[in-house]
N, C-alpha and C. Protein backbone atom coordinates (compact mmCIF):
# COMPACT_ATOMS: atom_id res chain seq x y z
N MET A 1 255.16 139.20 34.24
CA MET A 1 255.76 139.72 35.44
C MET A 1 257.08 139.07 35.78
N ILE A 2 258.00 139.82 36.16
CA ILE A 2 259.33 139.26 36.59
C ILE A 2 259.27 138.65 37.88
N THR A 3 259.85 137.47 38.01
CA THR A 3 259.73 136.70 39.27
C THR A 3 261.18 136.58 39.89
N VAL A 4 261.27 136.01 41.04
CA VAL A 4 262.50 135.81 41.74
C VAL A 4 263.44 134.94 40.85
N TYR A 5 262.94 133.96 40.17
CA TYR A 5 263.71 133.10 39.28
C TYR A 5 264.40 133.93 38.23
N ASP A 6 263.67 134.90 37.64
CA ASP A 6 264.28 135.76 36.63
C ASP A 6 265.50 136.52 37.15
N TYR A 7 265.33 137.09 38.35
CA TYR A 7 266.47 137.83 39.04
C TYR A 7 267.59 136.95 39.27
N VAL A 8 267.33 135.66 39.66
CA VAL A 8 268.40 134.73 39.94
C VAL A 8 269.13 134.42 38.66
N ILE A 9 268.37 134.20 37.53
CA ILE A 9 269.09 134.01 36.23
C ILE A 9 269.91 135.15 35.75
N ILE A 10 269.42 136.35 35.92
CA ILE A 10 270.17 137.58 35.51
C ILE A 10 271.46 137.71 36.41
N GLY A 11 271.24 137.51 37.68
CA GLY A 11 272.40 137.56 38.60
C GLY A 11 273.44 136.45 38.33
N PHE A 12 273.00 135.23 37.96
CA PHE A 12 273.92 134.16 37.70
C PHE A 12 274.61 134.55 36.36
N TYR A 13 273.95 135.10 35.33
CA TYR A 13 274.62 135.46 34.09
C TYR A 13 275.66 136.54 34.31
N LEU A 14 275.37 137.49 35.12
CA LEU A 14 276.35 138.57 35.35
C LEU A 14 277.56 138.02 36.06
N VAL A 15 277.39 137.18 37.12
CA VAL A 15 278.50 136.61 37.87
C VAL A 15 279.27 135.67 36.99
N PHE A 16 278.62 134.89 36.13
CA PHE A 16 279.29 134.01 35.21
C PHE A 16 280.17 134.72 34.16
N MET A 17 279.63 135.82 33.59
CA MET A 17 280.34 136.62 32.70
C MET A 17 281.59 137.25 33.37
N LEU A 18 281.44 137.65 34.62
CA LEU A 18 282.60 138.25 35.31
C LEU A 18 283.62 137.13 35.53
N ALA A 19 283.20 135.86 35.89
CA ALA A 19 284.17 134.85 36.17
C ALA A 19 284.91 134.43 34.88
N ILE A 20 284.20 134.43 33.80
CA ILE A 20 284.85 134.12 32.53
C ILE A 20 285.93 135.15 32.24
N GLY A 21 285.64 136.41 32.46
CA GLY A 21 286.63 137.44 32.26
C GLY A 21 287.83 137.36 33.16
N LEU A 22 287.64 136.97 34.41
CA LEU A 22 288.75 136.79 35.25
C LEU A 22 289.55 135.58 34.96
N VAL A 23 288.94 134.48 34.56
CA VAL A 23 289.71 133.29 34.20
C VAL A 23 290.52 133.46 32.99
N PHE A 24 289.99 134.20 31.99
CA PHE A 24 290.69 134.19 30.66
C PHE A 24 291.47 135.53 30.48
N ARG A 25 291.53 136.34 31.47
CA ARG A 25 292.25 137.57 31.28
C ARG A 25 293.75 137.42 31.02
N ARG A 26 294.30 136.38 31.60
CA ARG A 26 295.74 136.10 31.38
C ARG A 26 296.10 135.63 30.05
N MET A 27 295.13 135.17 29.25
CA MET A 27 295.39 134.60 27.90
C MET A 27 295.68 135.70 26.95
N SER A 28 295.21 136.96 27.14
CA SER A 28 295.43 138.03 26.15
C SER A 28 296.48 138.95 26.75
N LYS A 29 297.66 138.94 26.10
CA LYS A 29 298.77 139.79 26.54
C LYS A 29 298.84 141.01 25.65
N ASP A 30 298.46 140.92 24.42
CA ASP A 30 298.57 142.09 23.54
C ASP A 30 297.38 141.95 22.50
N THR A 31 297.38 142.94 21.60
CA THR A 31 296.30 142.95 20.57
C THR A 31 296.25 141.80 19.65
N SER A 32 297.42 141.18 19.40
CA SER A 32 297.50 140.03 18.53
C SER A 32 296.80 138.84 19.26
N ASP A 33 296.87 138.76 20.54
CA ASP A 33 296.19 137.62 21.26
C ASP A 33 294.73 137.95 21.27
N TYR A 34 294.31 139.18 21.50
CA TYR A 34 292.90 139.54 21.57
C TYR A 34 292.13 139.36 20.26
N PHE A 35 292.76 139.84 19.12
CA PHE A 35 292.02 139.91 17.83
C PHE A 35 292.15 138.60 17.06
N ARG A 36 293.36 137.93 17.17
CA ARG A 36 293.46 136.73 16.28
C ARG A 36 294.19 135.57 17.06
N ALA A 37 294.03 135.52 18.26
CA ALA A 37 294.51 134.44 19.16
C ALA A 37 296.00 134.24 19.03
N GLY A 38 296.73 135.34 18.90
CA GLY A 38 298.15 135.24 18.75
C GLY A 38 298.66 134.63 17.46
N GLY A 39 297.83 134.60 16.45
CA GLY A 39 298.18 134.02 15.17
C GLY A 39 297.95 132.48 15.17
N ALA A 40 297.42 131.96 16.15
CA ALA A 40 297.23 130.50 16.23
C ALA A 40 296.02 130.03 15.50
N MET A 41 295.07 130.93 15.15
CA MET A 41 293.89 130.46 14.37
C MET A 41 294.11 130.74 12.94
N PRO A 42 293.55 129.93 12.05
CA PRO A 42 293.67 130.08 10.59
C PRO A 42 292.92 131.41 10.17
N TRP A 43 293.26 131.96 9.04
CA TRP A 43 292.70 133.27 8.63
C TRP A 43 291.23 133.16 8.55
N TRP A 44 290.69 132.07 8.00
CA TRP A 44 289.26 132.00 7.75
C TRP A 44 288.48 131.91 9.05
N LEU A 45 289.06 131.27 10.06
CA LEU A 45 288.39 131.24 11.37
C LEU A 45 288.42 132.69 12.06
N THR A 46 289.53 133.33 11.97
CA THR A 46 289.60 134.68 12.47
C THR A 46 288.61 135.56 11.74
N GLY A 47 288.50 135.42 10.45
CA GLY A 47 287.54 136.32 9.70
C GLY A 47 286.03 135.91 10.02
N ALA A 48 285.83 134.64 10.17
CA ALA A 48 284.40 134.20 10.59
C ALA A 48 284.08 134.73 11.98
N SER A 49 285.07 134.72 12.87
CA SER A 49 284.82 135.32 14.22
C SER A 49 284.60 136.77 14.16
N ALA A 50 285.31 137.47 13.42
CA ALA A 50 285.01 138.91 13.26
C ALA A 50 283.69 139.16 12.70
N TRP A 51 283.31 138.35 11.65
CA TRP A 51 281.99 138.50 11.06
C TRP A 51 280.88 138.20 12.02
N ILE A 52 280.98 137.13 12.78
CA ILE A 52 279.93 136.78 13.79
C ILE A 52 279.84 137.92 14.82
N PHE A 53 280.95 138.48 15.23
CA PHE A 53 281.00 139.54 16.18
C PHE A 53 280.23 140.71 15.78
N SER A 54 280.00 140.93 14.45
CA SER A 54 279.24 142.02 13.92
C SER A 54 277.82 141.95 14.13
N PHE A 55 277.30 140.70 14.43
CA PHE A 55 275.87 140.57 14.68
C PHE A 55 275.57 141.21 16.07
N SER A 56 274.35 141.75 16.15
CA SER A 56 274.01 142.40 17.41
C SER A 56 272.62 141.89 17.85
N ALA A 57 272.10 142.40 18.89
CA ALA A 57 270.80 142.04 19.38
C ALA A 57 269.75 142.47 18.36
N TRP A 58 270.04 143.58 17.66
CA TRP A 58 269.09 144.10 16.64
C TRP A 58 268.92 143.09 15.51
N THR A 59 269.91 142.34 15.18
CA THR A 59 269.82 141.45 14.14
C THR A 59 268.72 140.34 14.38
N PHE A 60 268.66 139.96 15.68
CA PHE A 60 267.68 138.94 16.04
C PHE A 60 266.39 139.39 16.53
N THR A 61 266.37 140.68 17.08
CA THR A 61 265.07 141.15 17.62
C THR A 61 264.52 142.24 16.71
N GLY A 62 265.31 143.28 16.44
CA GLY A 62 264.80 144.44 15.70
C GLY A 62 264.50 144.08 14.21
N ALA A 63 265.44 143.29 13.62
CA ALA A 63 265.26 142.89 12.22
C ALA A 63 263.98 141.96 12.13
N ALA A 64 263.84 141.03 13.08
CA ALA A 64 262.75 140.15 13.17
C ALA A 64 261.43 140.96 13.22
N GLY A 65 261.40 141.98 14.08
CA GLY A 65 260.21 142.83 14.25
C GLY A 65 259.89 143.60 12.89
N LYS A 66 261.03 144.05 12.27
CA LYS A 66 260.87 144.77 11.00
C LYS A 66 260.28 143.91 9.89
N VAL A 67 260.74 142.58 9.84
CA VAL A 67 260.23 141.75 8.90
C VAL A 67 258.80 141.43 9.19
N TYR A 68 258.44 141.31 10.46
CA TYR A 68 257.03 141.06 10.80
C TYR A 68 256.19 142.31 10.36
N GLU A 69 256.71 143.51 10.48
CA GLU A 69 255.87 144.75 10.08
C GLU A 69 255.83 144.92 8.60
N THR A 70 257.02 144.74 7.91
CA THR A 70 257.07 145.14 6.44
C THR A 70 257.30 143.99 5.53
N GLY A 71 257.48 142.83 5.99
CA GLY A 71 257.76 141.69 5.06
C GLY A 71 259.20 141.68 4.81
N THR A 72 259.55 141.47 3.55
CA THR A 72 260.95 141.25 3.20
C THR A 72 261.73 142.55 2.95
N LEU A 73 261.15 143.73 3.40
CA LEU A 73 261.72 144.99 3.12
C LEU A 73 263.12 145.18 3.78
N VAL A 74 263.44 144.44 4.81
CA VAL A 74 264.69 144.53 5.54
C VAL A 74 265.82 143.73 4.86
N LEU A 75 265.45 142.79 3.98
CA LEU A 75 266.44 142.01 3.30
C LEU A 75 267.53 142.83 2.57
N PRO A 76 267.26 143.90 1.83
CA PRO A 76 268.34 144.62 1.24
C PRO A 76 269.40 145.11 2.20
N VAL A 77 269.10 145.27 3.44
CA VAL A 77 270.16 145.67 4.38
C VAL A 77 271.14 144.59 4.49
N PHE A 78 270.71 143.34 4.68
CA PHE A 78 271.58 142.21 4.77
C PHE A 78 272.34 141.85 3.54
N TYR A 79 271.60 141.99 2.32
CA TYR A 79 272.35 141.75 1.05
C TYR A 79 273.35 142.84 0.72
N ALA A 80 273.07 144.07 1.07
CA ALA A 80 274.11 145.13 0.95
C ALA A 80 275.26 144.82 1.76
N THR A 81 275.13 144.31 2.98
CA THR A 81 276.29 144.00 3.86
C THR A 81 277.03 142.89 3.23
N ALA A 82 276.42 141.84 2.63
CA ALA A 82 277.07 140.77 1.92
C ALA A 82 277.94 141.19 0.80
N ILE A 83 277.40 142.15 -0.03
CA ILE A 83 278.08 142.70 -1.14
C ILE A 83 279.35 143.43 -0.61
N ALA A 84 279.17 144.26 0.34
CA ALA A 84 280.22 145.08 0.94
C ALA A 84 281.34 144.14 1.45
N LEU A 85 280.95 143.03 2.15
CA LEU A 85 281.93 142.11 2.66
C LEU A 85 282.75 141.41 1.54
N CYS A 86 282.00 141.10 0.46
CA CYS A 86 282.78 140.55 -0.71
C CYS A 86 283.80 141.52 -1.26
N PHE A 87 283.41 142.75 -1.30
CA PHE A 87 284.33 143.82 -1.78
C PHE A 87 285.52 143.84 -0.89
N VAL A 88 285.28 143.98 0.41
CA VAL A 88 286.36 143.98 1.37
C VAL A 88 287.27 142.75 1.24
N LEU A 89 286.70 141.62 1.08
CA LEU A 89 287.38 140.41 0.98
C LEU A 89 288.34 140.49 -0.35
N ALA A 90 287.79 140.91 -1.39
CA ALA A 90 288.55 140.92 -2.60
C ALA A 90 289.68 141.95 -2.66
N PHE A 91 289.53 143.07 -2.01
CA PHE A 91 290.45 144.21 -2.16
C PHE A 91 291.33 144.46 -0.98
N THR A 92 290.97 143.99 0.26
CA THR A 92 291.75 144.42 1.32
C THR A 92 292.40 143.32 2.16
N CYS A 93 291.69 142.16 2.18
CA CYS A 93 292.28 141.03 3.00
C CYS A 93 293.70 140.66 2.63
N LEU A 94 293.94 140.49 1.44
CA LEU A 94 295.31 140.11 0.91
C LEU A 94 296.28 141.21 1.24
N ARG A 95 295.96 142.48 1.05
CA ARG A 95 296.89 143.58 1.33
C ARG A 95 297.18 143.65 2.87
N PHE A 96 296.14 143.59 3.64
CA PHE A 96 296.34 143.51 5.08
C PHE A 96 297.24 142.40 5.54
N ARG A 97 297.08 141.24 4.95
CA ARG A 97 297.91 140.07 5.35
C ARG A 97 299.32 140.32 4.97
N ARG A 98 299.59 140.87 3.75
CA ARG A 98 300.91 141.22 3.35
C ARG A 98 301.59 142.24 4.33
N MET A 99 300.84 143.13 4.79
CA MET A 99 301.37 144.20 5.69
C MET A 99 301.69 143.65 7.06
N ARG A 100 301.09 142.50 7.42
CA ARG A 100 301.31 141.89 8.69
C ARG A 100 300.82 142.77 9.78
N VAL A 101 299.61 143.39 9.64
CA VAL A 101 299.07 144.22 10.64
C VAL A 101 297.96 143.39 11.41
N ILE A 102 297.69 143.83 12.58
CA ILE A 102 296.70 143.11 13.42
C ILE A 102 295.38 143.91 13.36
N THR A 103 295.34 145.18 13.48
CA THR A 103 294.12 146.00 13.40
C THR A 103 294.17 146.87 12.10
N TRP A 104 292.99 147.21 11.76
CA TRP A 104 292.87 148.04 10.56
C TRP A 104 293.53 149.46 10.68
N MET A 105 293.52 149.95 11.95
CA MET A 105 294.14 151.22 12.15
C MET A 105 295.67 151.20 11.95
N GLU A 106 296.25 150.07 12.32
CA GLU A 106 297.67 149.84 12.01
C GLU A 106 297.92 149.87 10.52
N GLY A 107 297.08 149.35 9.76
CA GLY A 107 297.16 149.39 8.32
C GLY A 107 297.03 150.86 7.78
N VAL A 108 296.16 151.63 8.30
CA VAL A 108 296.07 153.06 7.93
C VAL A 108 297.32 153.79 8.28
N ARG A 109 297.85 153.58 9.51
CA ARG A 109 299.09 154.25 9.91
C ARG A 109 300.25 153.87 9.02
N LEU A 110 300.45 152.56 8.76
CA LEU A 110 301.50 152.17 7.91
C LEU A 110 301.44 152.63 6.46
N ARG A 111 300.18 152.64 5.97
CA ARG A 111 300.00 152.98 4.54
C ARG A 111 299.92 154.48 4.26
N TYR A 112 299.30 155.21 5.23
CA TYR A 112 299.09 156.64 5.04
C TYR A 112 299.70 157.54 6.01
N GLY A 113 300.33 156.98 7.01
CA GLY A 113 301.05 157.77 8.02
C GLY A 113 300.27 158.16 9.23
N PRO A 114 301.00 158.63 10.26
CA PRO A 114 300.25 158.95 11.58
C PRO A 114 299.27 160.06 11.48
N PHE A 115 299.45 161.04 10.61
CA PHE A 115 298.50 162.05 10.46
C PHE A 115 297.22 161.57 10.02
N SER A 116 297.11 160.68 9.05
CA SER A 116 295.92 160.13 8.54
C SER A 116 295.23 159.35 9.67
N GLU A 117 296.00 158.60 10.44
CA GLU A 117 295.49 157.88 11.52
C GLU A 117 294.79 158.77 12.54
N GLN A 118 295.48 159.80 12.92
CA GLN A 118 294.93 160.76 13.84
C GLN A 118 293.70 161.45 13.31
N PHE A 119 293.75 161.86 12.06
CA PHE A 119 292.60 162.54 11.46
C PHE A 119 291.37 161.62 11.44
N TYR A 120 291.56 160.43 10.97
CA TYR A 120 290.49 159.48 10.98
C TYR A 120 289.87 159.21 12.37
N THR A 121 290.72 159.10 13.36
CA THR A 121 290.36 158.88 14.71
C THR A 121 289.46 160.02 15.23
N TRP A 122 289.95 161.24 15.02
CA TRP A 122 289.16 162.41 15.51
C TRP A 122 287.93 162.66 14.77
N ILE A 123 287.89 162.35 13.49
CA ILE A 123 286.61 162.53 12.61
C ILE A 123 285.68 161.47 13.08
N LYS A 124 286.05 160.32 13.52
CA LYS A 124 285.12 159.26 13.85
C LYS A 124 284.63 159.41 15.30
N LEU A 125 285.29 160.13 16.15
CA LEU A 125 284.95 160.27 17.56
C LEU A 125 283.53 160.76 17.72
N PRO A 126 283.06 161.82 17.15
CA PRO A 126 281.64 162.23 17.37
C PRO A 126 280.63 161.17 16.98
N LEU A 127 280.90 160.44 15.85
CA LEU A 127 279.94 159.34 15.49
C LEU A 127 279.93 158.27 16.55
N LEU A 128 281.06 157.94 17.08
CA LEU A 128 281.16 156.90 18.05
C LEU A 128 280.44 157.32 19.35
N LEU A 129 280.56 158.57 19.72
CA LEU A 129 279.83 159.08 20.88
C LEU A 129 278.25 159.01 20.58
N LEU A 130 277.90 159.30 19.45
CA LEU A 130 276.43 159.28 19.09
C LEU A 130 275.90 157.82 19.16
N PHE A 131 276.62 156.88 18.59
CA PHE A 131 276.26 155.53 18.57
C PHE A 131 276.31 154.91 19.99
N SER A 132 277.29 155.36 20.78
CA SER A 132 277.37 154.91 22.21
C SER A 132 276.19 155.35 22.99
N GLY A 133 275.78 156.64 22.75
CA GLY A 133 274.60 157.11 23.43
C GLY A 133 273.35 156.34 23.04
N ALA A 134 273.17 156.08 21.84
CA ALA A 134 272.07 155.32 21.37
C ALA A 134 272.05 153.89 21.94
N SER A 135 273.22 153.32 21.99
CA SER A 135 273.31 151.97 22.64
C SER A 135 273.02 152.01 24.13
N LEU A 136 273.48 152.97 24.82
CA LEU A 136 273.14 153.16 26.24
C LEU A 136 271.69 153.38 26.39
N ASN A 137 271.07 154.15 25.54
CA ASN A 137 269.62 154.30 25.58
C ASN A 137 268.87 153.04 25.49
N ALA A 138 269.32 152.20 24.50
CA ALA A 138 268.64 150.97 24.30
C ALA A 138 268.82 149.99 25.56
N ILE A 139 270.01 150.07 26.16
CA ILE A 139 270.24 149.28 27.40
C ILE A 139 269.24 149.80 28.55
N GLY A 140 269.11 151.15 28.58
CA GLY A 140 268.31 151.78 29.53
C GLY A 140 266.83 151.30 29.43
N VAL A 141 266.38 151.34 28.15
CA VAL A 141 265.02 150.93 27.86
C VAL A 141 264.76 149.47 28.34
N PHE A 142 265.73 148.63 27.96
CA PHE A 142 265.66 147.18 28.34
C PHE A 142 265.64 147.07 29.84
N MET A 143 266.58 147.66 30.55
CA MET A 143 266.66 147.60 31.97
C MET A 143 265.43 148.17 32.69
N SER A 144 264.79 149.18 32.08
CA SER A 144 263.64 149.77 32.63
C SER A 144 262.48 148.79 32.54
N ALA A 145 262.43 148.02 31.44
CA ALA A 145 261.40 147.06 31.38
C ALA A 145 261.60 145.81 32.24
N VAL A 146 262.85 145.39 32.39
CA VAL A 146 263.23 144.24 33.21
C VAL A 146 263.00 144.55 34.68
N PHE A 147 263.44 145.66 35.18
CA PHE A 147 263.30 145.95 36.62
C PHE A 147 262.06 146.81 36.95
N ASN A 148 261.21 147.06 36.00
CA ASN A 148 259.96 147.71 36.19
C ASN A 148 260.21 149.17 36.79
N VAL A 149 261.06 149.90 36.23
CA VAL A 149 261.38 151.24 36.63
C VAL A 149 260.92 152.11 35.49
N PRO A 150 260.09 153.16 35.82
CA PRO A 150 259.68 154.09 34.65
C PRO A 150 260.85 154.81 34.06
N MET A 151 260.79 155.01 32.82
CA MET A 151 261.86 155.69 32.05
C MET A 151 262.06 157.18 32.52
N ASN A 152 261.00 157.83 32.95
CA ASN A 152 261.12 159.22 33.32
C ASN A 152 261.70 159.42 34.75
N THR A 153 261.88 158.37 35.50
CA THR A 153 262.50 158.48 36.81
C THR A 153 264.04 158.57 36.71
N MET A 154 264.53 159.64 37.27
CA MET A 154 265.97 159.79 37.22
C MET A 154 266.47 160.08 38.64
N LEU A 155 267.49 159.42 39.03
CA LEU A 155 268.13 159.67 40.34
C LEU A 155 269.05 160.83 40.25
N ILE A 156 268.76 161.87 41.04
CA ILE A 156 269.67 163.03 40.94
C ILE A 156 270.51 163.07 42.32
N ILE A 157 271.76 162.93 42.18
CA ILE A 157 272.67 163.03 43.34
C ILE A 157 273.21 164.41 43.45
N PRO A 158 273.01 165.11 44.56
CA PRO A 158 273.51 166.54 44.64
C PRO A 158 275.08 166.53 44.64
N ALA A 159 275.63 167.53 44.13
CA ALA A 159 277.05 167.72 44.09
C ALA A 159 277.62 167.89 45.46
N PRO A 160 278.79 167.45 45.88
CA PRO A 160 279.26 167.61 47.27
C PRO A 160 279.75 169.02 47.53
N TRP A 161 279.84 169.89 46.62
CA TRP A 161 280.36 171.22 46.86
C TRP A 161 279.23 172.21 46.99
């Protein structure tokens, strides 16, 4: 059962994260500052940061549950990722460094033109909406459990017109 202390911890965490965002917002002026600390970090540290960023809550909770259910069946997912990352390292990192791009979409635009950039962006949009919906659903399930609100309850606010 969730106690007052749990609510205090959740509230503290939310306020703390908001404070960190407000304190460090002036440090990022452009995409270079955001993605690679303005070029102040070595390439390997920037790459390690991007790799660590790819981990999600599923890695530590969902994958652990899947290992508990099926044994080592989930390991090929992680090994396939490692093989793909080695492929990316071998074939793209040096080229992106030579192009002096910050994001991969800048590389697509410089290499293949603005039409390819727009085409890829619009093709990827439906998938991003689908993944965003799945992520919001996961957050909703978690919040439902934390705040003890049934999932079938929905607040309907009537339209003002």
